[in-house]
Structures are given as C-alpha cells and as structure tokens.
Amino acid sequence: MPIAEQMEQKLREAFAPRTLEIVDDSEQHRGHAGFREGGESHFQVRIEAEAFAPMSRIERHRAVHKALGGDIVGRIHALELKIGA
C-alpha cells in the first residue's frame, strides 16, 4: 500500500477529521536531499479535526507524528503539516 494511503488510514482512525488532504510533493524536490525516484519522500498534510481544539501547535504536531507511527515517519524525508481545529 502506498505511504499516502497508509497515512490517510491512520489519520482518519486517530482524529476523524473534517478535512484531510495528503499531497506527495516529492517531485518538487528532485535533486534535493532525501528525494527518491518514484516519490513517497516529501509530503504535505492538511488536516482539520475537533480533536486538535485543546492542543497547542506543538501538541498537534506530536499527535500527528504519534498517530502516523515510527514506521511511516521513518520512511519519509519531509512532512509539512497544516493542522487546524
């Protein structure tokens, strides 16, 4: 299963988001550190969920990383997060 699909599944299970967009931005980083042929190295995630309302910005980022797990986070080079409540 592609990494983006795994990310979507884990984030939906953890936060039941109103909005979830996952973009594989890897091709934009061709020639840069961490780029892999075939993509799946650089991602942008935009997520909005009520679960984030009581959290600070840092807590939100930590919660997303925890939900994704070390396996997914360890396989990607860059993760840009836009998190809203």
N, C-alpha and C. Protein backbone atom coordinates (compact mmCIF):
# COMPACT_ATOMS: atom_id res chain seq x y z
N MET A 1 0.85 -1.18 0.00
CA MET A 1 0.00 0.00 0.00
C MET A 1 0.90 1.25 0.00
N PRO A 2 0.60 2.23 -0.85
CA PRO A 2 1.40 3.46 -0.87
C PRO A 2 1.38 4.18 0.48
N ILE A 3 2.45 4.89 0.76
CA ILE A 3 2.58 5.59 2.04
C ILE A 3 1.43 6.57 2.25
N ALA A 4 1.03 7.29 1.22
CA ALA A 4 -0.06 8.27 1.37
C ALA A 4 -1.35 7.59 1.84
N GLU A 5 -1.64 6.41 1.32
CA GLU A 5 -2.83 5.68 1.75
C GLU A 5 -2.71 5.23 3.20
N GLN A 6 -1.53 4.79 3.59
CA GLN A 6 -1.31 4.39 4.98
C GLN A 6 -1.48 5.60 5.91
N MET A 7 -0.94 6.74 5.49
CA MET A 7 -1.07 7.96 6.28
C MET A 7 -2.54 8.34 6.43
N GLU A 8 -3.28 8.29 5.34
CA GLU A 8 -4.70 8.64 5.39
C GLU A 8 -5.46 7.73 6.34
N GLN A 9 -5.22 6.44 6.25
CA GLN A 9 -5.91 5.49 7.11
C GLN A 9 -5.63 5.78 8.59
N LYS A 10 -4.38 5.97 8.92
CA LYS A 10 -4.01 6.21 10.32
C LYS A 10 -4.57 7.53 10.85
N LEU A 11 -4.52 8.58 10.03
CA LEU A 11 -5.01 9.88 10.47
C LEU A 11 -6.53 9.89 10.61
N ARG A 12 -7.23 9.21 9.71
CA ARG A 12 -8.69 9.12 9.83
C ARG A 12 -9.09 8.36 11.09
N GLU A 13 -8.39 7.26 11.37
CA GLU A 13 -8.68 6.47 12.57
C GLU A 13 -8.41 7.26 13.84
N ALA A 14 -7.33 8.02 13.86
CA ALA A 14 -6.92 8.73 15.07
C ALA A 14 -7.73 9.99 15.35
N PHE A 15 -8.14 10.71 14.29
CA PHE A 15 -8.71 12.04 14.51
C PHE A 15 -10.09 12.28 13.90
N ALA A 16 -10.62 11.38 13.10
CA ALA A 16 -11.91 11.58 12.42
C ALA A 16 -12.00 13.00 11.87
N PRO A 17 -11.08 13.36 10.98
CA PRO A 17 -11.01 14.75 10.52
C PRO A 17 -12.16 15.18 9.63
N ARG A 18 -12.50 16.48 9.72
CA ARG A 18 -13.46 17.10 8.80
C ARG A 18 -12.82 17.25 7.43
N THR A 19 -11.54 17.60 7.45
CA THR A 19 -10.77 17.82 6.23
C THR A 19 -9.47 17.06 6.34
N LEU A 20 -9.09 16.37 5.27
CA LEU A 20 -7.80 15.70 5.23
C LEU A 20 -7.32 15.68 3.79
N GLU A 21 -6.19 16.31 3.56
CA GLU A 21 -5.54 16.30 2.25
C GLU A 21 -4.10 15.86 2.44
N ILE A 22 -3.69 14.90 1.66
CA ILE A 22 -2.31 14.42 1.69
C ILE A 22 -1.77 14.53 0.27
N VAL A 23 -0.70 15.30 0.12
CA VAL A 23 -0.11 15.53 -1.19
C VAL A 23 1.32 15.01 -1.18
N ASP A 24 1.63 14.14 -2.14
CA ASP A 24 3.01 13.68 -2.33
C ASP A 24 3.71 14.75 -3.16
N ASP A 25 4.55 15.52 -2.50
CA ASP A 25 5.24 16.66 -3.09
C ASP A 25 6.67 16.30 -3.50
N SER A 26 6.97 15.03 -3.60
CA SER A 26 8.33 14.55 -3.81
C SER A 26 8.96 15.08 -5.09
N GLU A 27 8.20 15.11 -6.17
CA GLU A 27 8.77 15.52 -7.46
C GLU A 27 9.29 16.95 -7.42
N GLN A 28 8.70 17.78 -6.59
CA GLN A 28 9.15 19.17 -6.44
C GLN A 28 10.55 19.24 -5.81
N HIS A 29 11.01 18.14 -5.24
CA HIS A 29 12.29 18.11 -4.53
C HIS A 29 13.34 17.28 -5.25
N ARG A 30 13.11 17.02 -6.52
CA ARG A 30 14.09 16.27 -7.33
C ARG A 30 15.44 16.98 -7.24
N GLY A 31 16.48 16.20 -6.94
CA GLY A 31 17.82 16.75 -6.82
C GLY A 31 18.17 17.25 -5.42
N HIS A 32 17.19 17.27 -4.54
CA HIS A 32 17.43 17.71 -3.16
C HIS A 32 17.65 16.50 -2.25
N ALA A 33 18.09 16.77 -1.05
CA ALA A 33 18.30 15.71 -0.07
C ALA A 33 17.02 14.93 0.17
N GLY A 34 17.15 13.64 0.27
CA GLY A 34 16.02 12.79 0.61
C GLY A 34 15.13 12.39 -0.55
N PHE A 35 15.33 12.97 -1.74
CA PHE A 35 14.49 12.61 -2.88
C PHE A 35 14.74 11.17 -3.28
N ARG A 36 13.64 10.45 -3.56
CA ARG A 36 13.74 9.07 -4.06
C ARG A 36 12.97 8.99 -5.36
N GLU A 37 13.55 8.29 -6.31
CA GLU A 37 12.85 8.04 -7.57
C GLU A 37 11.55 7.31 -7.26
N GLY A 38 10.47 7.74 -7.85
CA GLY A 38 9.18 7.12 -7.58
C GLY A 38 8.38 7.84 -6.52
N GLY A 39 8.97 8.85 -5.89
CA GLY A 39 8.23 9.65 -4.91
C GLY A 39 8.19 9.04 -3.53
N GLU A 40 7.18 9.43 -2.78
CA GLU A 40 6.94 8.99 -1.41
C GLU A 40 8.07 9.37 -0.45
N SER A 41 8.64 10.56 -0.66
CA SER A 41 9.68 11.03 0.25
C SER A 41 9.32 12.36 0.91
N HIS A 42 8.51 13.18 0.26
CA HIS A 42 8.13 14.50 0.76
C HIS A 42 6.60 14.64 0.69
N PHE A 43 5.99 14.96 1.81
CA PHE A 43 4.52 15.06 1.85
C PHE A 43 4.07 16.36 2.50
N GLN A 44 2.92 16.83 2.04
CA GLN A 44 2.20 17.93 2.68
C GLN A 44 0.89 17.34 3.20
N VAL A 45 0.56 17.63 4.45
CA VAL A 45 -0.68 17.16 5.05
C VAL A 45 -1.45 18.36 5.59
N ARG A 46 -2.69 18.48 5.17
CA ARG A 46 -3.60 19.48 5.73
C ARG A 46 -4.72 18.70 6.39
N ILE A 47 -4.88 18.93 7.69
CA ILE A 47 -5.89 18.19 8.45
C ILE A 47 -6.60 19.15 9.40
N GLU A 48 -7.91 19.00 9.50
CA GLU A 48 -8.73 19.75 10.45
C GLU A 48 -9.61 18.77 11.19
N ALA A 49 -9.54 18.84 12.52
CA ALA A 49 -10.34 17.93 13.34
C ALA A 49 -10.60 18.58 14.69
N GLU A 50 -11.76 18.29 15.23
CA GLU A 50 -12.14 18.80 16.54
C GLU A 50 -11.15 18.36 17.63
N ALA A 51 -10.56 17.20 17.44
CA ALA A 51 -9.62 16.67 18.44
C ALA A 51 -8.43 17.59 18.69
N PHE A 52 -8.12 18.47 17.74
CA PHE A 52 -6.97 19.36 17.89
C PHE A 52 -7.30 20.64 18.67
N ALA A 53 -8.58 20.90 18.91
CA ALA A 53 -9.01 22.16 19.53
C ALA A 53 -8.28 22.49 20.84
N PRO A 54 -8.14 21.57 21.77
CA PRO A 54 -7.49 21.93 23.03
C PRO A 54 -5.95 21.90 22.98
N MET A 55 -5.38 21.54 21.84
CA MET A 55 -3.93 21.34 21.76
C MET A 55 -3.19 22.57 21.26
N SER A 56 -1.99 22.73 21.76
CA SER A 56 -1.09 23.76 21.23
C SER A 56 -0.55 23.29 19.89
N ARG A 57 0.12 24.18 19.19
CA ARG A 57 0.70 23.83 17.88
C ARG A 57 1.66 22.64 18.02
N ILE A 58 2.51 22.66 19.00
CA ILE A 58 3.48 21.58 19.22
C ILE A 58 2.76 20.27 19.55
N GLU A 59 1.75 20.34 20.39
CA GLU A 59 0.98 19.14 20.74
C GLU A 59 0.29 18.54 19.52
N ARG A 60 -0.20 19.39 18.64
CA ARG A 60 -0.85 18.91 17.42
C ARG A 60 0.15 18.16 16.54
N HIS A 61 1.33 18.74 16.37
CA HIS A 61 2.36 18.09 15.55
C HIS A 61 2.78 16.75 16.16
N ARG A 62 2.96 16.75 17.47
CA ARG A 62 3.33 15.49 18.15
C ARG A 62 2.24 14.44 18.00
N ALA A 63 0.98 14.87 18.09
CA ALA A 63 -0.14 13.93 17.98
C ALA A 63 -0.18 13.31 16.58
N VAL A 64 0.06 14.11 15.56
CA VAL A 64 0.06 13.59 14.18
C VAL A 64 1.22 12.61 14.00
N HIS A 65 2.40 12.98 14.47
CA HIS A 65 3.55 12.08 14.35
C HIS A 65 3.29 10.76 15.08
N LYS A 66 2.70 10.85 16.27
CA LYS A 66 2.39 9.64 17.04
C LYS A 66 1.37 8.77 16.30
N ALA A 67 0.35 9.40 15.74
CA ALA A 67 -0.67 8.65 15.01
C ALA A 67 -0.09 7.95 13.77
N LEU A 68 0.82 8.62 13.10
CA LEU A 68 1.44 8.02 11.92
C LEU A 68 2.37 6.88 12.30
N GLY A 69 3.03 7.01 13.43
CA GLY A 69 3.91 5.95 13.92
C GLY A 69 5.31 6.04 13.33
N GLY A 70 6.24 5.46 14.04
CA GLY A 70 7.64 5.48 13.65
C GLY A 70 7.92 4.84 12.32
N ASP A 71 7.14 3.84 11.95
CA ASP A 71 7.36 3.16 10.68
C ASP A 71 7.16 4.11 9.51
N ILE A 72 6.06 4.84 9.51
CA ILE A 72 5.79 5.77 8.40
C ILE A 72 6.72 6.97 8.48
N VAL A 73 6.82 7.58 9.64
CA VAL A 73 7.67 8.77 9.78
C VAL A 73 9.11 8.44 9.41
N GLY A 74 9.57 7.25 9.74
CA GLY A 74 10.93 6.85 9.43
C GLY A 74 11.19 6.62 7.95
N ARG A 75 10.14 6.42 7.16
CA ARG A 75 10.31 6.15 5.72
C ARG A 75 10.21 7.40 4.86
N ILE A 76 9.82 8.53 5.44
CA ILE A 76 9.72 9.75 4.65
C ILE A 76 10.80 10.74 5.07
N HIS A 77 11.13 11.63 4.15
CA HIS A 77 12.19 12.60 4.41
C HIS A 77 11.63 13.90 4.98
N ALA A 78 10.48 14.33 4.47
CA ALA A 78 9.93 15.62 4.90
C ALA A 78 8.41 15.52 5.01
N LEU A 79 7.89 16.17 6.06
CA LEU A 79 6.45 16.18 6.32
C LEU A 79 6.04 17.58 6.71
N GLU A 80 5.33 18.26 5.83
CA GLU A 80 4.82 19.60 6.12
C GLU A 80 3.40 19.47 6.64
N LEU A 81 3.15 19.99 7.83
CA LEU A 81 1.84 19.84 8.47
C LEU A 81 1.12 21.19 8.58
N LYS A 82 -0.14 21.21 8.18
CA LYS A 82 -1.03 22.33 8.39
C LYS A 82 -2.21 21.76 9.16
N ILE A 83 -2.29 22.10 10.44
CA ILE A 83 -3.26 21.45 11.33
C ILE A 83 -4.20 22.50 11.90
N GLY A 84 -5.49 22.24 11.78
CA GLY A 84 -6.49 23.14 12.34
C GLY A 84 -7.52 22.39 13.14
N ALA A 85 -8.20 23.14 14.01
CA ALA A 85 -9.23 22.53 14.85
C ALA A 85 -10.60 22.70 14.23
